[in-house]
Amino acid sequence: MQVSLIAAMDRDRLMGSQSGHLPWRLPRDAAHFRASTAGKWLLLGRRTYEEMDGWFTDQTPLVLSHDADYLPQHPFHRVFTRVTAALDFARASHAGEVIVAGGAQIFAATIGMATRLILTRIESRYEVADGVYFPNFKGSAEWRLVHAENWPADEENAVAMRLELYEKKTISP
């Protein structure tokens, strides 16, 4: 089963704030997120899950919470207290891919398991007092950039972005 991470971040790897607010409004990246996760299994922390209420259409959310009694917003969404339990459930359910959608602690816990990164690099820097950041991954040492696409600023998107797709390098025996 493939484990992918999807995130948008500024030049300093800032993804947003602990209070759940994004310092940007970029419809092109939101549309990219929706298209990339359509019909997929998603792994996300409880706060991210709650912040994304209304985003889930045909995805299968797996919610990580310290509270085993946490009740998800919809009865078909599943709650787990451990990353491995959520991934084992997805694997046993024959999921071909699980996309990790945040937050920062979930990214940090799963980046070592990931085989693919789907990153939107926002070509700007933002200042947020309670900022959360994407883990500092080893770019060229462990990951291979397989696709990059520049998205210029336009009427709806105030800043330019760059989509980057990475695959984990395989090590030959």
Protein backbone atom coordinates (compact mmCIF):
# COMPACT_ATOMS: atom_id res chain seq x y z
CA MET A 1 0.00 0.00 0.00
CA GLN A 2 1.33 3.41 -0.93
CA VAL A 3 1.51 6.15 1.70
CA SER A 4 1.55 9.69 0.29
CA LEU A 5 1.78 13.02 2.08
CA ILE A 6 0.02 16.08 0.63
CA ALA A 7 0.72 19.58 1.91
CA ALA A 8 0.93 23.23 0.94
CA MET A 9 3.68 25.32 2.53
CA ASP A 10 5.45 28.62 2.19
CA ARG A 11 9.20 29.06 1.57
CA ASP A 12 9.91 28.31 5.25
CA ARG A 13 7.73 25.15 5.27
CA LEU A 14 4.93 27.00 7.18
CA MET A 15 1.61 25.18 6.63
CA GLY A 16 -0.70 27.27 8.80
CA SER A 17 -1.40 27.99 12.44
CA GLN A 18 -2.18 25.85 15.45
CA SER A 19 -5.57 27.53 15.56
CA GLY A 20 -6.31 26.08 12.12
CA HIS A 21 -6.12 29.22 10.03
CA LEU A 22 -4.28 29.40 6.73
CA PRO A 23 -2.45 32.67 6.06
CA TRP A 24 -3.37 32.38 2.38
CA ARG A 25 -6.38 31.80 0.16
CA LEU A 26 -5.32 29.94 -2.98
CA PRO A 27 -8.24 28.38 -4.88
CA ARG A 28 -5.92 26.63 -7.33
CA ASP A 29 -4.23 24.70 -4.54
CA ALA A 30 -7.61 23.88 -2.94
CA ALA A 31 -8.81 22.49 -6.30
CA HIS A 32 -5.57 20.51 -6.62
CA PHE A 33 -6.08 19.06 -3.12
CA ARG A 34 -9.65 18.02 -3.94
CA ALA A 35 -8.60 16.42 -7.24
CA SER A 36 -5.62 14.62 -5.66
CA THR A 37 -7.68 13.17 -2.79
CA ALA A 38 -10.90 12.34 -4.67
CA GLY A 39 -11.97 8.79 -3.87
CA LYS A 40 -8.90 8.20 -1.66
CA TRP A 41 -8.32 7.15 1.91
CA LEU A 42 -7.14 10.10 4.03
CA LEU A 43 -5.20 9.97 7.28
CA LEU A 44 -5.50 13.12 9.39
CA GLY A 45 -5.31 14.31 12.93
CA ARG A 46 -8.46 15.23 14.82
CA ARG A 47 -7.95 19.01 14.63
CA THR A 48 -7.27 18.91 10.89
CA TYR A 49 -10.28 16.65 10.44
CA GLU A 50 -12.53 19.10 12.31
CA GLU A 51 -11.13 22.08 10.37
CA MET A 52 -11.93 20.28 7.11
CA ASP A 53 -15.57 19.61 7.93
CA GLY A 54 -17.49 19.90 4.68
CA TRP A 55 -14.49 18.97 2.49
CA PHE A 56 -15.13 15.24 2.53
CA THR A 57 -17.19 13.99 -0.37
CA ASP A 58 -16.00 10.62 -1.61
CA GLN A 59 -12.89 10.26 0.57
CA THR A 60 -12.52 7.76 3.41
CA PRO A 61 -11.16 9.69 6.43
CA LEU A 62 -9.12 7.87 9.06
CA VAL A 63 -8.93 10.19 12.06
CA LEU A 64 -6.14 10.05 14.63
CA SER A 65 -7.09 11.14 18.13
CA HIS A 66 -5.66 10.62 21.61
CA ASP A 67 -9.28 10.12 22.70
CA ALA A 68 -10.39 6.59 21.76
CA ASP A 69 -14.00 7.64 22.44
CA TYR A 70 -13.90 10.56 20.00
CA LEU A 71 -16.98 10.54 17.77
CA PRO A 72 -16.34 11.48 14.13
CA GLN A 73 -18.64 13.84 12.23
CA HIS A 74 -20.00 11.01 10.10
CA PRO A 75 -20.60 7.37 11.04
CA PHE A 76 -18.52 5.96 8.16
CA HIS A 77 -15.39 7.90 9.24
CA ARG A 78 -13.05 5.85 11.46
CA VAL A 79 -11.10 6.91 14.57
CA PHE A 80 -7.75 5.46 15.65
CA THR A 81 -5.32 6.25 18.46
CA ARG A 82 -2.22 5.02 16.60
CA VAL A 83 -0.89 5.61 13.07
CA THR A 84 -0.05 1.93 12.66
CA ALA A 85 -3.59 0.86 13.56
CA ALA A 86 -5.07 3.25 10.98
CA LEU A 87 -2.68 2.05 8.26
CA ASP A 88 -3.27 -1.60 9.17
CA PHE A 89 -7.03 -1.02 8.85
CA ALA A 90 -6.60 0.62 5.44
CA ARG A 91 -4.34 -2.22 4.28
CA ALA A 92 -6.81 -4.87 5.50
CA SER A 93 -9.57 -2.96 3.67
CA HIS A 94 -7.53 -3.22 0.45
CA ALA A 95 -6.76 0.49 0.14
CA GLY A 96 -4.19 0.97 -2.59
CA GLU A 97 -3.10 4.32 -1.18
CA VAL A 98 -3.53 6.39 1.96
CA ILE A 99 -2.92 10.12 1.65
CA VAL A 100 -1.75 11.84 4.83
CA ALA A 101 -3.32 15.30 4.95
CA GLY A 102 -1.96 16.67 8.23
CA GLY A 103 -1.45 18.16 10.69
CA ALA A 104 2.18 18.67 11.50
CA GLN A 105 2.41 15.87 14.11
CA ILE A 106 0.84 13.36 11.71
CA PHE A 107 3.24 14.40 8.93
CA ALA A 108 6.19 13.98 11.30
CA ALA A 109 4.94 10.53 12.38
CA THR A 110 4.41 9.27 8.82
CA ILE A 111 7.11 10.83 6.65
CA GLY A 112 9.40 7.86 7.31
CA MET A 113 6.69 5.50 5.97
CA ALA A 114 5.82 7.63 2.96
CA THR A 115 6.65 6.63 -0.60
CA ARG A 116 5.38 9.83 -2.24
CA LEU A 117 5.17 13.55 -1.41
CA ILE A 118 2.72 15.90 -3.11
CA LEU A 119 3.85 19.40 -2.19
CA THR A 120 2.58 22.83 -3.13
CA ARG A 121 5.37 25.34 -2.56
CA ILE A 122 3.93 28.80 -2.08
CA GLU A 123 6.38 31.37 -3.42
CA SER A 124 6.13 33.68 -0.43
CA ARG A 125 6.86 33.85 3.30
CA TYR A 126 4.20 34.34 5.94
CA GLU A 127 4.47 35.24 9.61
CA VAL A 128 2.20 33.37 12.01
CA ALA A 129 2.70 33.52 15.77
CA ASP A 130 1.52 29.94 16.34
CA GLY A 131 2.81 28.46 13.09
CA VAL A 132 2.98 24.76 12.23
CA TYR A 133 5.58 23.46 9.81
CA PHE A 134 6.06 20.58 7.42
CA PRO A 135 8.91 18.27 8.50
CA ASN A 136 12.32 19.04 7.04
CA PHE A 137 12.64 16.11 4.65
CA LYS A 138 15.87 15.06 2.99
CA GLY A 139 15.32 16.38 -0.54
CA SER A 140 17.93 14.86 -2.81
CA ALA A 141 19.32 12.26 -0.40
CA GLU A 142 16.16 10.22 0.12
CA TRP A 143 13.67 11.66 -2.38
CA ARG A 144 13.64 12.07 -6.14
CA LEU A 145 11.70 14.93 -7.75
CA VAL A 146 9.62 13.29 -10.51
CA HIS A 147 7.40 16.19 -11.55
CA ALA A 148 7.32 19.95 -11.09
CA GLU A 149 4.83 22.46 -12.38
CA ASN A 150 4.85 26.23 -11.91
CA TRP A 151 1.56 27.98 -11.26
CA PRO A 152 1.83 31.74 -11.73
CA ALA A 153 -0.14 34.23 -9.65
CA ASP A 154 -3.43 35.26 -11.23
CA GLU A 155 -6.69 37.05 -10.39
CA GLU A 156 -7.77 34.34 -7.93
CA ASN A 157 -4.37 33.32 -6.56
CA ALA A 158 -2.35 36.24 -5.17
CA VAL A 159 1.00 34.42 -5.18
CA ALA A 160 2.77 32.00 -7.47
CA MET A 161 3.03 28.34 -6.49
CA ARG A 162 5.05 25.34 -7.57
CA LEU A 163 3.64 21.82 -7.48
CA GLU A 164 6.34 19.24 -6.69
CA LEU A 165 5.90 15.46 -6.72
CA TYR A 166 8.59 13.37 -5.06
CA GLU A 167 9.06 9.62 -4.88
CA LYS A 168 11.17 7.88 -2.28
CA LYS A 169 14.36 6.51 -3.77
CA THR A 170 14.71 2.75 -3.63
CA ILE A 171 17.94 1.38 -2.31
CA SER A 172 19.43 -1.52 -4.22
CA PRO A 173 20.73 -4.43 -2.15
